[in-house]
Amino acid sequence: MVIAWLLFTALGCGETSPETLVDELRAVVSVANPPEVQPREIFEYTTYVYNPDEKPLELLTWVCTNLGEGCLEAAGGSESVVRSNLEGVAPTATRSLSTSPSLFGILPETGPLTATQVWTLICEEGACPQLDGVQTMGENDTWSQDTQDLLGDPLSWMAELPTSGVSLAYQLLTTSLSEEPHQNPRMQASPNNPTALKKGEAFSLEFRVSGTFAEDARLYNYISAGGFEMTDTFVNVDDCTIINGIAPEDVDEAIVWIVLLDGLGGADVWTTTLEVR
């Protein structure tokens, strides 16, 4: 999932940014491990979900490398589509996926490509009937024409989805022939971070990061109640980064997701549930 929200308004002391609050069904973030793969190489794709109503969920994930003539994965040879179910308030889903082997013939001419889209559609059960005919498809499966039309251009039918009970997101994946591909960064939470919050009061979380970073590497922060002062914070290797938030006043717990994006396609996630007293 590409996260690119910027804060343009000034916040007063003690105020929180509404963009940091996650209060409805949402794919908060997805992480590909590794974030750079060779064609047909299996990667693990983990999505962190918030499901406040705790309704049963249907999850559809698919890989699409579209260089102008539809998804290359439609021809088979890869783990391209996974359909599964989820339950719980903050479940995670990890799927094994891969890109089209036809990229072996393309990458020697183009070099590394950040053109593969990994899509995630989460629906409350029965909310997305137009996808009923799509099933899990592996290396030996080719997509039907109906599936190609549907998964090859999700923006064409996105407006038909319900306004609630649905979350659609995608992330770009890099494919290359490198023997030393880029790896995900890492973040370490301070042992002094709070395990419980006081209702309505300020709190801080502290992290250190490691890895290879671009200049726009950042931490993004989300919470299921209350809020954080800023949507994101620039980070550098080994810097101590402090994130400030305000605890909620009317609930007994809050789920926090801290997302590290290295600016090069890599990511890491720290998540926890904090008691609110």
C-alpha atoms as a PDB file:
ATOM      1  CA  MET A   1       0.000   0.000   0.000  1.00  0.00           C
ATOM      2  CA  VAL A   2       1.380   3.393  -0.955  1.00  0.00           C
ATOM      3  CA  ILE A   3       1.012   5.861   1.902  1.00  0.00           C
ATOM      4  CA  ALA A   4       1.441   9.468   0.848  1.00  0.00           C
ATOM      5  CA  TRP A   5      -0.595  11.644   3.151  1.00  0.00           C
ATOM      6  CA  LEU A   6       0.997  14.969   4.025  1.00  0.00           C
ATOM      7  CA  LEU A   7      -0.061  17.362   6.752  1.00  0.00           C
ATOM      8  CA  PHE A   8      -0.566  20.904   5.460  1.00  0.00           C
ATOM      9  CA  THR A   9      -2.378  22.488   8.387  1.00  0.00           C
ATOM     10  CA  ALA A  10      -0.732  23.677  11.574  1.00  0.00           C
ATOM     11  CA  LEU A  11      -1.780  21.871  14.713  1.00  0.00           C
ATOM     12  CA  GLY A  12      -1.962  23.520  18.083  1.00  0.00           C
ATOM     13  CA  CYS A  13      -0.427  22.099  21.208  1.00  0.00           C
ATOM     14  CA  GLY A  14      -2.257  18.981  22.338  1.00  0.00           C
ATOM     15  CA  GLU A  15      -4.177  18.587  19.067  1.00  0.00           C
ATOM     16  CA  THR A  16      -4.028  15.473  16.922  1.00  0.00           C
ATOM     17  CA  SER A  17      -4.055  14.920  13.180  1.00  0.00           C
ATOM     18  CA  PRO A  18      -7.288  13.235  12.022  1.00  0.00           C
ATOM     19  CA  GLU A  19      -5.311  11.339   9.353  1.00  0.00           C
ATOM     20  CA  THR A  20      -3.699   9.255  12.108  1.00  0.00           C
ATOM     21  CA  LEU A  21      -7.041   7.876  13.348  1.00  0.00           C
ATOM     22  CA  VAL A  22      -8.184   4.524  11.919  1.00  0.00           C
ATOM     23  CA  ASP A  23     -11.825   4.031  12.941  1.00  0.00           C
ATOM     24  CA  GLU A  24     -13.309   1.879  10.161  1.00  0.00           C
ATOM     25  CA  LEU A  25     -12.465  -1.266   8.196  1.00  0.00           C
ATOM     26  CA  ARG A  26      -9.075  -0.729   6.615  1.00  0.00           C
ATOM     27  CA  ALA A  27      -5.982  -2.403   5.262  1.00  0.00           C
ATOM     28  CA  VAL A  28      -3.642  -0.288   7.351  1.00  0.00           C
ATOM     29  CA  VAL A  29      -0.446  -1.362   5.606  1.00  0.00           C
ATOM     30  CA  SER A  30       1.046  -4.284   3.687  1.00  0.00           C
ATOM     31  CA  VAL A  31       4.654  -5.468   3.702  1.00  0.00           C
ATOM     32  CA  ALA A  32       6.352  -7.561   1.012  1.00  0.00           C
ATOM     33  CA  ASN A  33       9.265  -9.677   2.255  1.00  0.00           C
ATOM     34  CA  PRO A  34      11.569  -9.304   0.472  1.00  0.00           C
ATOM     35  CA  PRO A  35      10.554  -6.024  -1.215  1.00  0.00           C
ATOM     36  CA  GLU A  36      12.657  -6.799  -4.314  1.00  0.00           C
ATOM     37  CA  VAL A  37      12.337 -10.186  -6.013  1.00  0.00           C
ATOM     38  CA  GLN A  38      13.346 -12.078  -9.100  1.00  0.00           C
ATOM     39  CA  PRO A  39      10.613 -13.292 -11.472  1.00  0.00           C
ATOM     40  CA  ARG A  40       8.722 -16.278 -10.048  1.00  0.00           C
ATOM     41  CA  GLU A  41      10.502 -15.917  -6.692  1.00  0.00           C
ATOM     42  CA  ILE A  42       8.123 -16.449  -3.774  1.00  0.00           C
ATOM     43  CA  PHE A  43       7.675 -13.491  -1.442  1.00  0.00           C
ATOM     44  CA  GLU A  44       5.606 -13.264   1.721  1.00  0.00           C
ATOM     45  CA  TYR A  45       2.989 -10.523   1.705  1.00  0.00           C
ATOM     46  CA  THR A  46       1.586  -9.511   5.096  1.00  0.00           C
ATOM     47  CA  THR A  47      -1.366  -7.153   5.512  1.00  0.00           C
ATOM     48  CA  TYR A  48      -2.312  -5.522   8.804  1.00  0.00           C
ATOM     49  CA  VAL A  49      -6.071  -5.006   9.048  1.00  0.00           C
ATOM     50  CA  TYR A  50      -8.346  -3.056  11.356  1.00  0.00           C
ATOM     51  CA  ASN A  51     -11.855  -4.514  11.632  1.00  0.00           C
ATOM     52  CA  PRO A  52     -13.669  -2.585  14.405  1.00  0.00           C
ATOM     53  CA  ASP A  53     -17.035  -4.300  13.880  1.00  0.00           C
ATOM     54  CA  GLU A  54     -15.346  -7.740  14.000  1.00  0.00           C
ATOM     55  CA  LYS A  55     -17.463  -8.987  11.117  1.00  0.00           C
ATOM     56  CA  PRO A  56     -16.184 -11.962   9.060  1.00  0.00           C
ATOM     57  CA  LEU A  57     -14.047 -10.709   6.182  1.00  0.00           C
ATOM     58  CA  GLU A  58     -13.194 -11.911   2.692  1.00  0.00           C
ATOM     59  CA  LEU A  59      -9.690 -11.082   1.479  1.00  0.00           C
ATOM     60  CA  LEU A  60      -8.613 -11.075  -2.167  1.00  0.00           C
ATOM     61  CA  THR A  61      -4.977 -10.444  -3.082  1.00  0.00           C
ATOM     62  CA  TRP A  62      -3.542 -10.446  -6.586  1.00  0.00           C
ATOM     63  CA  VAL A  63      -0.315  -9.639  -8.416  1.00  0.00           C
ATOM     64  CA  CYS A  64      -0.412  -7.651 -11.655  1.00  0.00           C
ATOM     65  CA  THR A  65       2.549  -6.555 -13.767  1.00  0.00           C
ATOM     66  CA  ASN A  66       0.891  -4.515 -16.504  1.00  0.00           C
ATOM     67  CA  LEU A  67       3.321  -3.138 -19.077  1.00  0.00           C
ATOM     68  CA  GLY A  68       0.530  -2.085 -21.420  1.00  0.00           C
ATOM     69  CA  GLU A  69      -1.166  -5.326 -22.439  1.00  0.00           C
ATOM     70  CA  GLY A  70      -2.750  -6.548 -19.227  1.00  0.00           C
ATOM     71  CA  CYS A  71      -1.388  -8.478 -16.263  1.00  0.00           C
ATOM     72  CA  LEU A  72       1.541 -10.703 -17.234  1.00  0.00           C
ATOM     73  CA  GLU A  73       0.572 -13.018 -14.387  1.00  0.00           C
ATOM     74  CA  ALA A  74      -2.668 -13.924 -16.199  1.00  0.00           C
ATOM     75  CA  ALA A  75      -0.709 -16.356 -18.410  1.00  0.00           C
ATOM     76  CA  GLY A  76       0.191 -18.540 -15.425  1.00  0.00           C
ATOM     77  CA  GLY A  77       3.515 -19.594 -13.974  1.00  0.00           C
ATOM     78  CA  SER A  78       3.192 -17.657 -10.710  1.00  0.00           C
ATOM     79  CA  GLU A  79       1.310 -17.601  -7.429  1.00  0.00           C
ATOM     80  CA  SER A  80      -0.833 -14.720  -8.602  1.00  0.00           C
ATOM     81  CA  VAL A  81      -4.172 -14.730  -6.747  1.00  0.00           C
ATOM     82  CA  VAL A  82      -5.002 -15.678  -3.159  1.00  0.00           C
ATOM     83  CA  ARG A  83      -8.496 -15.688  -1.709  1.00  0.00           C
ATOM     84  CA  SER A  84      -8.884 -16.155   2.042  1.00  0.00           C
ATOM     85  CA  ASN A  85     -10.965 -15.245   5.088  1.00  0.00           C
ATOM     86  CA  LEU A  86     -10.209 -13.193   8.173  1.00  0.00           C
ATOM     87  CA  GLU A  87     -11.745 -12.684  11.596  1.00  0.00           C
ATOM     88  CA  GLY A  88     -10.959 -10.537  14.614  1.00  0.00           C
ATOM     89  CA  VAL A  89     -10.531  -6.855  15.396  1.00  0.00           C
ATOM     90  CA  ALA A  90      -6.914  -6.484  14.220  1.00  0.00           C
ATOM     91  CA  PRO A  91      -5.985  -9.563  12.193  1.00  0.00           C
ATOM     92  CA  THR A  92      -2.931  -9.983   9.995  1.00  0.00           C
ATOM     93  CA  ALA A  93      -2.885 -12.042   6.817  1.00  0.00           C
ATOM     94  CA  THR A  94       0.284 -13.456   5.228  1.00  0.00           C
ATOM     95  CA  ARG A  95       0.145 -14.840   1.697  1.00  0.00           C
ATOM     96  CA  SER A  96       2.802 -16.434  -0.541  1.00  0.00           C
ATOM     97  CA  LEU A  97       2.900 -14.746  -3.942  1.00  0.00           C
ATOM     98  CA  SER A  98       5.181 -14.472  -6.988  1.00  0.00           C
ATOM     99  CA  THR A  99       5.511 -12.516 -10.222  1.00  0.00           C
ATOM    100  CA  SER A 100       5.357 -13.688 -13.822  1.00  0.00           C
ATOM    101  CA  PRO A 101       8.280 -15.763 -15.175  1.00  0.00           C
ATOM    102  CA  SER A 102       7.981 -13.803 -18.443  1.00  0.00           C
ATOM    103  CA  LEU A 103       9.848 -10.983 -16.687  1.00  0.00           C
ATOM    104  CA  PHE A 104      13.036 -13.049 -17.107  1.00  0.00           C
ATOM    105  CA  GLY A 105      12.938 -12.050 -20.783  1.00  0.00           C
ATOM    106  CA  ILE A 106      12.190  -8.377 -20.089  1.00  0.00           C
ATOM    107  CA  LEU A 107      14.495  -7.393 -17.215  1.00  0.00           C
ATOM    108  CA  PRO A 108      17.810  -7.839 -19.124  1.00  0.00           C
ATOM    109  CA  GLU A 109      16.702  -4.968 -21.366  1.00  0.00           C
ATOM    110  CA  THR A 110      14.955  -2.735 -18.835  1.00  0.00           C
ATOM    111  CA  GLY A 111      16.899  -3.318 -15.642  1.00  0.00           C
ATOM    112  CA  PRO A 112      14.989  -3.395 -12.332  1.00  0.00           C
ATOM    113  CA  LEU A 113      11.291  -2.575 -12.690  1.00  0.00           C
ATOM    114  CA  THR A 114       9.052  -1.142  -9.988  1.00  0.00           C
ATOM    115  CA  ALA A 115       5.953  -1.870 -12.015  1.00  0.00           C
ATOM    116  CA  THR A 116       4.304  -4.835 -10.294  1.00  0.00           C
ATOM    117  CA  GLN A 117       1.168  -3.941  -8.358  1.00  0.00           C
ATOM    118  CA  VAL A 118       0.065  -6.107  -5.447  1.00  0.00           C
ATOM    119  CA  TRP A 119      -3.597  -5.407  -4.767  1.00  0.00           C
ATOM    120  CA  THR A 120      -5.527  -6.134  -1.577  1.00  0.00           C
ATOM    121  CA  LEU A 121      -9.318  -6.032  -1.430  1.00  0.00           C
ATOM    122  CA  ILE A 122     -11.008  -6.614   1.926  1.00  0.00           C
ATOM    123  CA  CYS A 123     -14.794  -6.943   2.083  1.00  0.00           C
ATOM    124  CA  GLU A 124     -17.257  -7.812   4.774  1.00  0.00           C
ATOM    125  CA  GLU A 125     -18.852 -11.122   3.785  1.00  0.00           C
ATOM    126  CA  GLY A 126     -21.258 -10.601   0.882  1.00  0.00           C
ATOM    127  CA  ALA A 127     -20.270  -6.966   0.266  1.00  0.00           C
ATOM    128  CA  CYS A 128     -18.426  -7.598  -3.027  1.00  0.00           C
ATOM    129  CA  PRO A 129     -20.513 -10.020  -5.143  1.00  0.00           C
ATOM    130  CA  GLN A 130     -18.791  -8.991  -8.360  1.00  0.00           C
ATOM    131  CA  LEU A 131     -15.728 -10.921  -7.174  1.00  0.00           C
ATOM    132  CA  ASP A 132     -17.538 -14.193  -6.377  1.00  0.00           C
ATOM    133  CA  GLY A 133     -16.078 -15.928  -9.424  1.00  0.00           C
ATOM    134  CA  VAL A 134     -12.442 -15.182  -8.574  1.00  0.00           C
ATOM    135  CA  GLN A 135     -10.557 -17.969  -6.811  1.00  0.00           C
ATOM    136  CA  THR A 136      -6.996 -18.688  -5.688  1.00  0.00           C
ATOM    137  CA  MET A 137      -4.697 -19.237  -8.689  1.00  0.00           C
ATOM    138  CA  GLY A 138      -1.213 -20.739  -8.606  1.00  0.00           C
ATOM    139  CA  GLU A 139       1.577 -21.611 -11.023  1.00  0.00           C
ATOM    140  CA  ASN A 140      -0.512 -24.053 -13.045  1.00  0.00           C
ATOM    141  CA  ASP A 141      -3.516 -21.759 -13.422  1.00  0.00           C
ATOM    142  CA  THR A 142      -4.287 -19.189 -16.089  1.00  0.00           C
ATOM    143  CA  TRP A 143      -6.828 -16.412 -15.633  1.00  0.00           C
ATOM    144  CA  SER A 144     -10.125 -16.522 -17.487  1.00  0.00           C
ATOM    145  CA  GLN A 145     -10.956 -13.537 -19.666  1.00  0.00           C
ATOM    146  CA  ASP A 146     -13.473 -12.324 -17.086  1.00  0.00           C
ATOM    147  CA  THR A 147     -10.818 -12.485 -14.371  1.00  0.00           C
ATOM    148  CA  GLN A 148      -8.321 -10.653 -16.586  1.00  0.00           C
ATOM    149  CA  ASP A 149     -10.824  -7.881 -17.250  1.00  0.00           C
ATOM    150  CA  LEU A 150     -11.663  -7.597 -13.558  1.00  0.00           C
ATOM    151  CA  LEU A 151      -8.246  -7.784 -11.928  1.00  0.00           C
ATOM    152  CA  GLY A 152      -6.385  -6.006 -14.697  1.00  0.00           C
ATOM    153  CA  ASP A 153      -8.240  -2.740 -14.195  1.00  0.00           C
ATOM    154  CA  PRO A 154      -9.625  -2.418 -10.642  1.00  0.00           C
ATOM    155  CA  LEU A 155      -9.962   1.348 -10.983  1.00  0.00           C
ATOM    156  CA  SER A 156     -12.723   0.772 -13.553  1.00  0.00           C
ATOM    157  CA  TRP A 157     -15.015  -0.864 -10.965  1.00  0.00           C
ATOM    158  CA  MET A 158     -13.754   0.670  -7.732  1.00  0.00           C
ATOM    159  CA  ALA A 159     -16.598   3.211  -7.773  1.00  0.00           C
ATOM    160  CA  GLU A 160     -19.128   0.345  -7.713  1.00  0.00           C
ATOM    161  CA  LEU A 161     -17.892  -0.905  -4.334  1.00  0.00           C
ATOM    162  CA  PRO A 162     -19.922  -0.077  -1.208  1.00  0.00           C
ATOM    163  CA  THR A 163     -18.883   3.032   0.692  1.00  0.00           C
ATOM    164  CA  SER A 164     -18.477   1.051   3.920  1.00  0.00           C
ATOM    165  CA  GLY A 165     -17.371  -2.457   4.787  1.00  0.00           C
ATOM    166  CA  VAL A 166     -14.721  -2.440   2.041  1.00  0.00           C
ATOM    167  CA  SER A 167     -11.038  -1.494   1.815  1.00  0.00           C
ATOM    168  CA  LEU A 168      -8.958  -1.508  -1.384  1.00  0.00           C
ATOM    169  CA  ALA A 169      -5.214  -0.798  -1.496  1.00  0.00           C
ATOM    170  CA  TYR A 170      -2.141  -1.611  -3.551  1.00  0.00           C
ATOM    171  CA  GLN A 171       1.633  -1.582  -3.209  1.00  0.00           C
ATOM    172  CA  LEU A 172       4.368  -1.482  -5.823  1.00  0.00           C
ATOM    173  CA  LEU A 173       6.907  -4.303  -5.877  1.00  0.00           C
ATOM    174  CA  THR A 174      10.343  -4.194  -7.528  1.00  0.00           C
ATOM    175  CA  THR A 175      11.463  -7.071  -9.751  1.00  0.00           C
ATOM    176  CA  SER A 176      15.100  -7.472 -10.771  1.00  0.00           C
ATOM    177  CA  LEU A 177      17.772 -10.046 -11.561  1.00  0.00           C
ATOM    178  CA  SER A 178      19.973  -8.901  -8.686  1.00  0.00           C
ATOM    179  CA  GLU A 179      21.721 -11.495  -6.534  1.00  0.00           C
ATOM    180  CA  GLU A 180      21.770  -8.928  -3.704  1.00  0.00           C
ATOM    181  CA  PRO A 181      18.276  -7.389  -3.734  1.00  0.00           C
ATOM    182  CA  HIS A 182      17.100  -4.650  -1.421  1.00  0.00           C
ATOM    183  CA  GLN A 183      15.923  -5.856   1.981  1.00  0.00           C
ATOM    184  CA  ASN A 184      13.350  -4.450   4.367  1.00  0.00           C
ATOM    185  CA  PRO A 185      14.484  -1.995   7.041  1.00  0.00           C
ATOM    186  CA  ARG A 186      14.035  -2.681  10.731  1.00  0.00           C
ATOM    187  CA  MET A 187      12.733  -0.658  13.636  1.00  0.00           C
ATOM    188  CA  GLN A 188      13.260  -1.229  17.327  1.00  0.00           C
ATOM    189  CA  ALA A 189      10.883   0.085  19.969  1.00  0.00           C
ATOM    190  CA  SER A 190      12.293   1.529  23.165  1.00  0.00           C
ATOM    191  CA  PRO A 191      11.832  -0.706  26.222  1.00  0.00           C
ATOM    192  CA  ASN A 192      10.603   2.442  27.978  1.00  0.00           C
ATOM    193  CA  ASN A 193       7.558   2.806  25.740  1.00  0.00           C
ATOM    194  CA  PRO A 194       4.307   2.742  27.752  1.00  0.00           C
ATOM    195  CA  THR A 195       2.222  -0.398  27.982  1.00  0.00           C
ATOM    196  CA  ALA A 196      -0.822   1.538  29.218  1.00  0.00           C
ATOM    197  CA  LEU A 197      -2.163   5.043  28.633  1.00  0.00           C
ATOM    198  CA  LYS A 198      -4.096   7.504  30.783  1.00  0.00           C
ATOM    199  CA  LYS A 199      -7.381   8.631  29.258  1.00  0.00           C
ATOM    200  CA  GLY A 200      -7.119  11.952  27.463  1.00  0.00           C
ATOM    201  CA  GLU A 201      -3.452  12.464  28.342  1.00  0.00           C
ATOM    202  CA  ALA A 202      -0.366  12.862  26.174  1.00  0.00           C
ATOM    203  CA  PHE A 203       2.023   9.970  25.556  1.00  0.00           C
ATOM    204  CA  SER A 204       5.203   9.345  23.579  1.00  0.00           C
ATOM    205  CA  LEU A 205       6.668   6.373  21.703  1.00  0.00           C
ATOM    206  CA  GLU A 206      10.362   6.078  20.862  1.00  0.00           C
ATOM    207  CA  PHE A 207      12.018   4.105  18.045  1.00  0.00           C
ATOM    208  CA  ARG A 208      15.364   3.512  16.379  1.00  0.00           C
ATOM    209  CA  VAL A 209      15.643   2.328  12.774  1.00  0.00           C
ATOM    210  CA  SER A 210      18.255   0.474  10.736  1.00  0.00           C
ATOM    211  CA  GLY A 211      18.687  -0.377   7.091  1.00  0.00           C
ATOM    212  CA  THR A 212      19.274   1.472   3.822  1.00  0.00           C
ATOM    213  CA  PHE A 213      17.208   4.639   3.453  1.00  0.00           C
ATOM    214  CA  ALA A 214      16.329   7.252   0.864  1.00  0.00           C
ATOM    215  CA  GLU A 215      16.069  10.917   1.865  1.00  0.00           C
ATOM    216  CA  ASP A 216      12.285  10.671   2.211  1.00  0.00           C
ATOM    217  CA  ALA A 217      12.293   7.696   4.608  1.00  0.00           C
ATOM    218  CA  ARG A 218       9.638   8.166   7.282  1.00  0.00           C
ATOM    219  CA  LEU A 219       7.698   6.699  10.151  1.00  0.00           C
ATOM    220  CA  TYR A 220       3.914   6.848   9.737  1.00  0.00           C
ATOM    221  CA  ASN A 221       1.695   6.379  12.774  1.00  0.00           C
ATOM    222  CA  TYR A 222      -1.909   5.233  13.186  1.00  0.00           C
ATOM    223  CA  ILE A 223      -4.147   4.530  16.154  1.00  0.00           C
ATOM    224  CA  SER A 224      -7.672   3.127  16.558  1.00  0.00           C
ATOM    225  CA  ALA A 225      -8.752   5.798  19.093  1.00  0.00           C
ATOM    226  CA  GLY A 226      -7.220   9.093  20.171  1.00  0.00           C
ATOM    227  CA  GLY A 227      -4.581  10.330  17.744  1.00  0.00           C
ATOM    228  CA  PHE A 228      -1.010  11.368  17.004  1.00  0.00           C
ATOM    229  CA  GLU A 229       0.151  14.964  16.633  1.00  0.00           C
ATOM    230  CA  MET A 230       1.758  14.409  13.216  1.00  0.00           C
ATOM    231  CA  THR A 231       1.026  11.996  10.393  1.00  0.00           C
ATOM    232  CA  ASP A 232       4.678  11.178   9.726  1.00  0.00           C
ATOM    233  CA  THR A 233       8.248  11.828  10.822  1.00  0.00           C
ATOM    234  CA  PHE A 234      11.451  11.766   8.758  1.00  0.00           C
ATOM    235  CA  VAL A 235      14.001   9.231  10.003  1.00  0.00           C
ATOM    236  CA  ASN A 236      17.707   8.512   9.637  1.00  0.00           C
ATOM    237  CA  VAL A 237      19.733   5.434  10.542  1.00  0.00           C
ATOM    238  CA  ASP A 238      20.318   5.106  14.297  1.00  0.00           C
ATOM    239  CA  ASP A 239      18.451   8.319  15.096  1.00  0.00           C
ATOM    240  CA  CYS A 240      16.118   8.265  18.071  1.00  0.00           C
ATOM    241  CA  THR A 241      12.658   9.169  16.765  1.00  0.00           C
ATOM    242  CA  ILE A 242       9.948  10.241  19.213  1.00  0.00           C
ATOM    243  CA  ILE A 243       6.270  10.197  18.245  1.00  0.00           C
ATOM    244  CA  ASN A 244       3.762  12.117  20.359  1.00  0.00           C
ATOM    245  CA  GLY A 245       0.090  11.263  20.735  1.00  0.00           C
ATOM    246  CA  ILE A 246      -3.021  11.832  22.834  1.00  0.00           C
ATOM    247  CA  ALA A 247      -4.817   8.896  24.418  1.00  0.00           C
ATOM    248  CA  PRO A 248      -8.574   8.478  23.859  1.00  0.00           C
ATOM    249  CA  GLU A 249     -11.033   9.438  26.571  1.00  0.00           C
ATOM    250  CA  ASP A 250     -13.924   7.041  25.936  1.00  0.00           C
ATOM    251  CA  VAL A 251     -12.454   3.557  25.271  1.00  0.00           C
ATOM    252  CA  ASP A 252     -10.451   1.068  27.329  1.00  0.00           C
ATOM    253  CA  GLU A 253      -7.847   0.140  24.733  1.00  0.00           C
ATOM    254  CA  ALA A 254      -6.217   1.487  21.593  1.00  0.00           C
ATOM    255  CA  ILE A 255      -4.402  -0.348  18.800  1.00  0.00           C
ATOM    256  CA  VAL A 256      -1.273   1.340  17.460  1.00  0.00           C
ATOM    257  CA  TRP A 257       0.473   0.743  14.134  1.00  0.00           C
ATOM    258  CA  ILE A 258       3.861   2.359  13.458  1.00  0.00           C
ATOM    259  CA  VAL A 259       4.934   1.974   9.830  1.00  0.00           C
ATOM    260  CA  LEU A 260       8.504   2.471   8.641  1.00  0.00           C
ATOM    261  CA  LEU A 261       8.894   3.177   4.907  1.00  0.00           C
ATOM    262  CA  ASP A 262      12.505   3.409   3.725  1.00  0.00           C
ATOM    263  CA  GLY A 263      11.707   5.291   0.501  1.00  0.00           C
ATOM    264  CA  LEU A 264      13.106   2.405  -1.563  1.00  0.00           C
ATOM    265  CA  GLY A 265      10.118   0.060  -1.420  1.00  0.00           C
ATOM    266  CA  GLY A 266      10.983  -1.564   1.902  1.00  0.00           C
ATOM    267  CA  ALA A 267       8.880  -1.425   5.067  1.00  0.00           C
ATOM    268  CA  ASP A 268       8.570  -2.610   8.635  1.00  0.00           C
ATOM    269  CA  VAL A 269       5.632  -2.494  11.060  1.00  0.00           C
ATOM    270  CA  TRP A 270       5.398  -2.316  14.846  1.00  0.00           C
ATOM    271  CA  THR A 271       1.960  -2.818  16.326  1.00  0.00           C
ATOM    272  CA  THR A 272       0.559  -3.248  19.798  1.00  0.00           C
ATOM    273  CA  THR A 273      -2.628  -2.902  21.802  1.00  0.00           C
ATOM    274  CA  LEU A 274      -2.383  -0.433  24.679  1.00  0.00           C
ATOM    275  CA  GLU A 275      -4.655  -0.465  27.690  1.00  0.00           C
ATOM    276  CA  VAL A 276      -6.315   2.911  28.369  1.00  0.00           C
ATOM    277  CA  ARG A 277      -7.104   3.610  32.005  1.00  0.00           C
END
